[in-house]
Amino acid sequence: MPTPRPARTLAVLAAAALALSACGSDYPLGDAQREAAESSTSKLSGILSGSGSSAQGPAMDAWIAGFGILHPKVQLQYSPDGSGAGRSALLAGAVDFAGSDAYLQEGEMDKAREVCGPSGALDIPTYISPIAVAFNLPGIDALNLDAATIAGIFRGEIDTWNDPAVAGQNPGIDLPDLPITPVSRADDSGTTENFTEYLHEAAPAAWQDSPSGTWPGGLEGENAQGNSGVVSTVTRTEGAVTYADDSVIDDSMGTVNLLVGEEYIPISAAGASIAVEQASRVPGRGPHDIALHLDRTTTAPGAYPLVLVSYQIYCSAYEDEHTVELVKTFGQYIVSDEGQAASEDAAKSAPIPAALAEQASEAIESITTLP
C-alpha cells in the first residue's frame, strides 16, 4: 500500500527548512532534522540521488526538506542540471531518479530497457506549473499577446515593443520604442521543449520548428543557463523577454496574458490545473507510464495552456530491495497531499489532480527488483 499521508502542518515545517542537497553531513537540514531524528520511529536509511529539471528546483528543495523530517536517516541528493542532463544521468545508471520537464522519448525508452530491465522506466507526473512569458518593461506589469505574436518576438521578426502586432492587442498601454531582446535557454531544457511545443501547436504558421529541448539555431537574442540564468539576464536587461517556470518570476518582471479562445488568460496555478485536466495519456506506453499529451489549443474556460508538467522518472526495477524501498517511499511522499502541499507553498505550483495522483501512486507502487 502507498505510504500514509501525514498532516499538512509538517509541510510548513519542511518548507521552512529548505535544502538544496543532502551531502556532507548526517543531518544536512540542520537542527530540524537532528531533532526529528531523535524522536523519529523511521528506520529507513541510505542515500538516494537524482538529477535534472531546474524548474523543479524550488519544489525539490521542499520535498527534500519534508522527506528529511519524516525519514531523517535518509540522505537525498539532487542536482538541478537541466532535464536533458537528468535523463542522461538516469539512463547512464549514474542516479536513482531523474527530474524532467519532458517525458522520455522513444529512443530514450529503448536505452531505459538496457538500464532498468525489460519494462524500462516510468514517467510519473509530480509537478504542475505554468510557464511565464516574462519581460522587463518598467511600469508595465502585464501584456496581452497571442501565440503568433509571441512566436514572432522570439524569432526576431517583431523586434520593438511598440510594434503594431503588440500594440494592437494592448490598447491604452504606452509601449516604448525599445528593442526587444529575446532570451532563451542555453541548456537542453524541458521548459524549452514545453514552450516550443506550445508555439508549434498554437501558432503553427508562425513557429514551424518542431518542439525540442534545444533552442533553434540562427535566431537573434541571448541565451543563459537554467531558469535562474534567463531570469537574471532579463532582470538586468531593459526590453528583454524570456520564458521560465513561474516559480522563479518575481514582482520586478511583467508577465504575458495568453489569448485562449477569445479571452486573454493571466498566468496562474489554477489556470495550469485546468489545462492539465484536458490532457490525455500518450498512447503506446506501458500500463504504469503516465506520459501526458497536453492540448495546447484548448479553449476550456480559464485554462492557461502554456503549462509545464514535470515528471519524476524512475526505473521500473532496481537491482536491490533497499533501493526500491527508498525510491518508492520518496516517490509516494512527493505525490501525497503532504508532498504536493509542500511544493505548492514553496514553488507556486498547482497540486496534481486527485485522479492523476492516484494513478501516480499505483505506478510508484509497481516498482520492483530486477529479476
Protein backbone atom coordinates (compact mmCIF):
# COMPACT_ATOMS: atom_id res chain seq x y z
CA MET A 1 0.00 0.00 0.00
CA PRO A 2 1.14 3.61 -0.56
CA THR A 3 2.94 5.42 2.24
CA PRO A 4 0.41 7.06 4.63
CA ARG A 5 -0.07 10.78 4.18
CA PRO A 6 0.91 12.86 7.24
CA ALA A 7 -0.71 16.10 8.37
CA ARG A 8 -0.26 19.32 6.39
CA THR A 9 1.44 21.06 9.32
CA LEU A 10 4.60 19.13 8.53
CA ALA A 11 4.72 20.79 5.09
CA VAL A 12 5.11 24.19 6.71
CA LEU A 13 7.98 22.94 8.86
CA ALA A 14 9.56 21.20 5.89
CA ALA A 15 9.28 24.18 3.58
CA ALA A 16 10.90 26.35 6.21
CA ALA A 17 13.91 24.04 6.25
CA LEU A 18 14.67 24.19 2.51
CA ALA A 19 17.86 22.41 1.44
CA LEU A 20 19.47 22.02 -1.96
CA SER A 21 21.04 18.64 -1.36
CA ALA A 22 21.85 16.11 1.27
CA CYS A 23 25.59 15.61 1.33
CA GLY A 24 28.49 16.09 3.69
CA SER A 25 26.50 15.71 6.92
CA ASP A 26 24.41 13.18 8.77
CA TYR A 27 21.83 15.97 9.28
CA PRO A 28 22.16 18.29 6.25
CA LEU A 29 18.91 20.09 7.16
CA GLY A 30 20.38 21.17 10.47
CA ASP A 31 18.67 21.25 13.86
CA ALA A 32 15.19 20.48 12.50
CA GLN A 33 16.40 17.18 11.07
CA ARG A 34 18.56 16.40 14.08
CA GLU A 35 15.60 16.89 16.42
CA ALA A 36 13.40 14.79 14.14
CA ALA A 37 15.98 12.01 14.17
CA GLU A 38 15.93 11.90 17.95
CA SER A 39 12.17 11.30 18.04
CA SER A 40 11.59 9.56 14.71
CA THR A 41 10.47 5.95 14.53
CA SER A 42 11.54 5.63 10.87
CA LYS A 43 14.25 3.05 10.34
CA LEU A 44 14.71 3.95 6.69
CA SER A 45 18.28 4.94 5.87
CA GLY A 46 20.64 5.26 2.94
CA ILE A 47 21.45 7.62 0.07
CA LEU A 48 19.10 8.44 -2.81
CA SER A 49 20.40 10.53 -5.70
CA GLY A 50 18.71 12.40 -8.52
CA SER A 51 19.44 14.98 -11.18
CA GLY A 52 17.50 17.04 -13.69
CA SER A 53 14.94 19.81 -14.02
CA SER A 54 15.93 23.22 -12.70
CA ALA A 55 12.25 24.20 -12.87
CA GLN A 56 11.63 21.59 -10.18
CA GLY A 57 14.36 23.15 -8.03
CA PRO A 58 12.18 25.05 -5.50
CA ALA A 59 9.76 22.12 -5.22
CA MET A 60 12.62 19.66 -4.84
CA ASP A 61 14.07 21.77 -2.03
CA ALA A 62 10.74 21.48 -0.22
CA TRP A 63 10.46 17.74 -0.92
CA ILE A 64 13.99 17.10 0.34
CA ALA A 65 13.24 19.09 3.49
CA GLY A 66 9.90 17.41 4.16
CA PHE A 67 11.19 13.92 3.49
CA GLY A 68 14.22 14.64 5.68
CA ILE A 69 11.95 15.41 8.60
CA LEU A 70 9.95 12.20 8.08
CA HIS A 71 12.97 9.98 7.42
CA PRO A 72 15.96 11.79 8.93
CA LYS A 73 18.43 8.94 8.33
CA VAL A 74 17.99 9.14 4.54
CA GLN A 75 20.32 11.43 2.60
CA LEU A 76 18.73 12.87 -0.53
CA GLN A 77 20.88 14.41 -3.24
CA TYR A 78 19.52 16.34 -6.23
CA SER A 79 21.48 18.33 -8.81
CA PRO A 80 19.36 20.77 -10.90
CA ASP A 81 21.42 20.39 -14.08
CA GLY A 82 18.51 20.55 -16.53
CA SER A 83 16.01 17.98 -17.74
CA GLY A 84 18.17 16.58 -20.54
CA ALA A 85 21.12 16.11 -18.21
CA GLY A 86 18.91 14.38 -15.67
CA ARG A 87 17.50 11.91 -18.18
CA SER A 88 21.00 11.19 -19.49
CA ALA A 89 22.27 10.57 -15.96
CA LEU A 90 19.46 8.11 -15.21
CA LEU A 91 19.97 6.28 -18.49
CA ALA A 92 23.69 6.03 -17.71
CA GLY A 93 22.93 4.49 -14.32
CA ALA A 94 24.53 7.47 -12.55
CA VAL A 95 21.48 8.46 -10.45
CA ASP A 96 18.46 6.71 -8.97
CA PHE A 97 15.87 9.04 -10.49
CA ALA A 98 15.59 11.98 -12.85
CA GLY A 99 13.52 15.14 -12.71
CA SER A 100 12.37 16.12 -16.19
CA ASP A 101 10.02 18.67 -17.71
CA ALA A 102 9.52 16.31 -20.65
CA TYR A 103 8.74 12.60 -20.71
CA LEU A 104 11.12 10.05 -22.19
CA GLN A 105 11.12 9.80 -25.99
CA GLU A 106 11.14 6.50 -27.88
CA GLY A 107 14.93 6.33 -28.27
CA GLU A 108 15.36 7.06 -24.58
CA MET A 109 12.83 4.34 -23.73
CA ASP A 110 14.98 1.83 -25.63
CA LYS A 111 18.01 2.87 -23.58
CA ALA A 112 15.97 2.65 -20.37
CA ARG A 113 15.28 -1.03 -21.07
CA GLU A 114 19.03 -1.64 -21.07
CA VAL A 115 19.48 0.07 -17.69
CA CYS A 116 16.17 -0.61 -15.92
CA GLY A 117 15.19 -4.02 -17.23
CA PRO A 118 12.63 -5.08 -19.87
CA SER A 119 9.88 -2.77 -18.59
CA GLY A 120 12.14 0.28 -18.90
CA ALA A 121 11.46 3.46 -16.96
CA LEU A 122 8.32 5.17 -15.66
CA ASP A 123 7.32 8.79 -16.31
CA ILE A 124 5.42 9.93 -13.20
CA PRO A 125 3.90 13.47 -13.27
CA THR A 126 4.64 15.16 -9.97
CA TYR A 127 4.82 18.92 -10.55
CA ILE A 128 2.49 21.22 -12.47
CA SER A 129 3.44 24.82 -13.12
CA PRO A 130 2.60 27.46 -15.69
CA ILE A 131 5.46 28.75 -17.82
CA ALA A 132 5.63 32.53 -17.76
CA VAL A 133 6.48 34.69 -20.72
CA ALA A 134 8.18 37.38 -18.64
CA PHE A 135 9.62 40.74 -19.67
CA ASN A 136 11.45 43.79 -18.34
CA LEU A 137 9.47 46.93 -19.18
CA PRO A 138 9.44 49.33 -16.21
CA GLY A 139 5.92 50.42 -15.35
CA ILE A 140 4.20 47.63 -17.31
CA ASP A 141 3.07 44.64 -15.27
CA ALA A 142 1.15 42.67 -17.89
CA LEU A 143 0.62 42.49 -21.65
CA ASN A 144 -1.94 40.63 -23.76
CA LEU A 145 -0.39 38.51 -26.53
CA ASP A 146 -1.49 35.69 -28.78
CA ALA A 147 0.74 32.73 -29.62
CA ALA A 148 1.61 34.01 -33.10
CA THR A 149 2.89 37.32 -31.70
CA ILE A 150 4.97 35.51 -29.05
CA ALA A 151 6.44 33.34 -31.81
CA GLY A 152 7.28 36.42 -33.87
CA ILE A 153 9.01 38.04 -30.89
CA PHE A 154 11.19 35.00 -30.19
CA ARG A 155 12.03 34.59 -33.89
CA GLY A 156 13.19 38.22 -34.01
CA GLU A 157 10.52 39.15 -36.56
CA ILE A 158 8.82 41.51 -34.10
CA ASP A 159 11.77 43.47 -32.73
CA THR A 160 10.38 46.56 -30.96
CA TRP A 161 7.88 46.74 -28.14
CA ASN A 162 5.64 49.30 -29.88
CA ASP A 163 5.28 47.09 -32.97
CA PRO A 164 1.65 47.14 -34.22
CA ALA A 165 1.33 43.40 -33.51
CA VAL A 166 1.92 44.09 -29.80
CA ALA A 167 0.23 47.49 -29.59
CA GLY A 168 -2.92 46.27 -31.32
CA GLN A 169 -3.55 43.77 -28.50
CA ASN A 170 -2.80 46.31 -25.76
CA PRO A 171 -4.80 49.49 -26.33
CA GLY A 172 -4.24 52.11 -23.68
CA ILE A 173 -0.74 50.90 -22.76
CA ASP A 174 2.09 53.30 -23.62
CA LEU A 175 4.55 50.87 -25.18
CA PRO A 176 8.12 52.17 -25.58
CA ASP A 177 10.02 52.36 -28.85
CA LEU A 178 12.52 49.94 -27.34
CA PRO A 179 14.30 46.97 -28.96
CA ILE A 180 13.13 43.53 -27.84
CA THR A 181 15.88 41.18 -26.62
CA PRO A 182 14.65 37.57 -26.58
CA VAL A 183 16.45 35.39 -24.04
CA SER A 184 16.38 31.60 -24.46
CA ARG A 185 17.83 28.64 -22.58
CA ALA A 186 21.37 27.57 -23.46
CA ASP A 187 20.99 24.08 -21.97
CA ASP A 188 18.86 21.12 -23.05
CA SER A 189 15.70 22.11 -21.26
CA GLY A 190 12.26 20.63 -20.70
CA THR A 191 10.99 24.18 -20.27
CA THR A 192 12.20 24.95 -23.79
CA GLU A 193 10.52 21.81 -25.10
CA ASN A 194 7.20 22.77 -23.50
CA PHE A 195 7.48 26.36 -24.73
CA THR A 196 8.32 25.40 -28.32
CA GLU A 197 5.57 22.76 -28.28
CA TYR A 198 3.07 25.43 -27.28
CA LEU A 199 4.24 27.76 -30.07
CA HIS A 200 4.28 24.96 -32.66
CA GLU A 201 0.77 23.76 -31.82
CA ALA A 202 -0.92 27.08 -31.01
CA ALA A 203 0.70 29.06 -33.87
CA PRO A 204 1.99 26.52 -36.43
CA ALA A 205 2.30 29.04 -39.25
CA ALA A 206 4.43 31.36 -37.13
CA TRP A 207 6.54 28.64 -35.44
CA GLN A 208 7.28 25.82 -37.86
CA ASP A 209 10.21 24.34 -35.92
CA SER A 210 9.40 21.02 -34.25
CA PRO A 211 9.27 21.05 -30.45
CA SER A 212 12.69 20.47 -28.93
CA GLY A 213 14.56 20.82 -25.68
CA THR A 214 17.32 22.71 -27.51
CA TRP A 215 16.67 26.20 -28.82
CA PRO A 216 16.67 26.53 -32.65
CA GLY A 217 19.91 27.83 -34.06
CA GLY A 218 20.22 31.01 -36.09
CA LEU A 219 17.74 33.11 -34.11
CA GLU A 220 18.53 36.54 -32.71
CA GLY A 221 18.83 37.16 -28.96
CA GLU A 222 20.76 35.95 -25.95
CA ASN A 223 20.79 32.71 -24.02
CA ALA A 224 21.58 31.64 -20.48
CA GLN A 225 21.83 28.51 -18.36
CA GLY A 226 18.77 27.33 -16.45
CA ASN A 227 15.60 29.12 -15.36
CA SER A 228 17.58 31.28 -12.95
CA GLY A 229 20.02 32.25 -15.70
CA VAL A 230 17.42 33.53 -18.15
CA VAL A 231 15.56 35.39 -15.40
CA SER A 232 18.77 37.04 -14.20
CA THR A 233 19.54 38.16 -17.77
CA VAL A 234 16.10 39.68 -18.26
CA THR A 235 16.19 41.40 -14.86
CA ARG A 236 19.30 43.35 -15.81
CA THR A 237 18.31 43.99 -19.47
CA GLU A 238 15.56 46.52 -20.11
CA GLY A 239 13.43 45.39 -23.04
CA ALA A 240 14.34 41.72 -22.63
CA VAL A 241 11.82 38.86 -22.63
CA THR A 242 12.11 35.19 -21.77
CA TYR A 243 10.15 32.06 -20.86
CA ALA A 244 10.62 30.43 -17.45
CA ASP A 245 8.88 28.44 -14.77
CA ASP A 246 6.58 30.76 -12.84
CA SER A 247 8.22 29.82 -9.53
CA VAL A 248 11.30 31.90 -10.40
CA ILE A 249 9.46 35.03 -11.59
CA ASP A 250 9.36 37.92 -9.11
CA ASP A 251 7.41 41.16 -8.94
CA SER A 252 10.09 43.13 -10.79
CA MET A 253 9.08 41.44 -14.07
CA GLY A 254 5.91 41.71 -16.11
CA THR A 255 4.10 38.67 -17.47
CA VAL A 256 2.04 37.89 -20.56
CA ASN A 257 -1.67 37.07 -20.57
CA LEU A 258 -2.25 34.39 -23.25
CA LEU A 259 -5.07 34.53 -25.77
CA VAL A 260 -7.16 31.38 -25.22
CA GLY A 261 -10.21 31.25 -27.43
CA GLU A 262 -11.48 34.83 -27.32
CA GLU A 263 -10.17 35.70 -23.85
CA TYR A 264 -6.76 36.70 -22.51
CA ILE A 265 -5.87 34.45 -19.56
CA PRO A 266 -3.36 35.62 -16.92
CA ILE A 267 -0.80 33.18 -15.61
CA SER A 268 -1.92 31.20 -12.55
CA ALA A 269 -1.61 27.79 -10.93
CA ALA A 270 -5.38 27.37 -11.22
CA GLY A 271 -5.24 28.00 -14.97
CA ALA A 272 -2.44 25.45 -15.29
CA SER A 273 -4.54 22.84 -13.47
CA ILE A 274 -7.47 23.41 -15.81
CA ALA A 275 -5.18 22.91 -18.79
CA VAL A 276 -3.76 19.67 -17.38
CA GLU A 277 -7.27 18.32 -16.83
CA GLN A 278 -7.66 18.43 -20.62
CA ALA A 279 -4.55 16.26 -21.15
CA SER A 280 -4.60 12.67 -22.41
CA ARG A 281 -2.23 9.74 -21.83
CA VAL A 282 0.41 9.25 -24.54
CA PRO A 283 -0.55 6.03 -26.37
CA GLY A 284 1.71 3.00 -26.73
CA ARG A 285 3.26 3.23 -23.26
CA GLY A 286 3.30 0.65 -20.50
CA PRO A 287 0.37 0.47 -18.05
CA HIS A 288 2.26 2.40 -15.37
CA ASP A 289 3.88 5.04 -17.57
CA ILE A 290 1.93 8.31 -17.20
CA ALA A 291 3.34 10.45 -20.01
CA LEU A 292 0.77 13.14 -20.81
CA HIS A 293 -0.11 14.87 -24.06
CA LEU A 294 -1.21 18.43 -23.36
CA ASP A 295 -3.79 20.16 -25.55
CA ARG A 296 -2.06 23.46 -26.28
CA THR A 297 -5.05 24.68 -28.32
CA THR A 298 -7.66 24.12 -25.62
CA THR A 299 -10.37 26.75 -25.24
CA ALA A 300 -11.55 25.46 -21.85
CA PRO A 301 -12.65 28.46 -19.76
CA GLY A 302 -9.82 29.70 -17.56
CA ALA A 303 -7.21 27.31 -18.98
CA TYR A 304 -3.61 28.53 -19.28
CA PRO A 305 -2.16 26.13 -21.89
CA LEU A 306 1.49 27.22 -21.65
CA VAL A 307 1.94 24.78 -18.80
CA LEU A 308 4.74 22.51 -17.71
CA VAL A 309 4.07 19.04 -16.39
CA SER A 310 7.28 17.90 -14.78
CA TYR A 311 8.00 14.25 -14.12
CA GLN A 312 9.96 12.11 -11.76
CA ILE A 313 11.41 9.34 -13.91
CA TYR A 314 12.16 6.10 -12.10
CA CYS A 315 13.37 2.73 -13.26
CA SER A 316 10.55 0.19 -13.23
CA ALA A 317 13.00 -2.12 -11.42
CA TYR A 318 16.23 -1.73 -9.44
CA GLU A 319 18.97 -4.16 -8.50
CA ASP A 320 18.24 -4.40 -4.77
CA GLU A 321 15.25 -4.21 -2.46
CA HIS A 322 16.76 -1.42 -0.36
CA THR A 323 16.93 0.97 -3.33
CA VAL A 324 13.39 0.00 -4.28
CA GLU A 325 12.21 0.88 -0.77
CA LEU A 326 13.97 4.26 -0.84
CA VAL A 327 12.62 5.13 -4.29
CA LYS A 328 9.07 4.07 -3.53
CA THR A 329 8.94 5.83 -0.15
CA PHE A 330 10.24 9.09 -1.61
CA GLY A 331 8.02 8.78 -4.69
CA GLN A 332 4.91 8.23 -2.59
CA TYR A 333 5.76 11.23 -0.43
CA ILE A 334 6.03 13.52 -3.48
CA VAL A 335 2.59 12.60 -4.87
CA SER A 336 0.91 12.62 -1.44
CA ASP A 337 -1.24 15.52 -0.25
CA GLU A 338 1.65 16.44 2.05
CA GLY A 339 4.26 16.48 -0.69
CA GLN A 340 2.05 18.43 -3.08
CA ALA A 341 1.26 20.97 -0.38
CA ALA A 342 4.99 21.45 0.26
CA SER A 343 5.70 22.19 -3.41
CA GLU A 344 2.69 24.47 -3.68
CA ASP A 345 3.91 26.51 -0.70
CA ALA A 346 7.49 26.69 -1.97
CA ALA A 347 7.09 26.95 -5.74
CA LYS A 348 3.62 28.34 -6.57
CA SER A 349 2.85 25.03 -8.27
CA ALA A 350 -0.58 23.53 -8.79
CA PRO A 351 -1.38 20.26 -6.99
CA ILE A 352 -1.74 17.37 -9.40
CA PRO A 353 -5.42 16.40 -9.84
CA ALA A 354 -6.67 13.71 -7.42
CA ALA A 355 -7.25 11.10 -10.14
CA LEU A 356 -3.75 11.67 -11.51
CA ALA A 357 -2.25 11.43 -8.01
CA GLU A 358 -3.94 8.06 -7.53
CA GLN A 359 -2.57 6.77 -10.84
CA ALA A 360 0.89 8.03 -9.90
CA SER A 361 0.74 6.28 -6.52
CA GLU A 362 -0.22 2.99 -8.16
CA ALA A 363 2.60 3.35 -10.69
CA ILE A 364 5.19 4.01 -7.98
CA GLU A 365 3.94 1.03 -6.01
CA SER A 366 4.59 -1.18 -9.06
CA ILE A 367 8.38 -0.58 -8.90
CA THR A 368 10.18 -3.82 -8.09
CA THR A 369 13.59 -5.53 -8.13
CA LEU A 370 15.28 -6.75 -11.27
CA PRO A 371 14.83 -10.47 -11.94
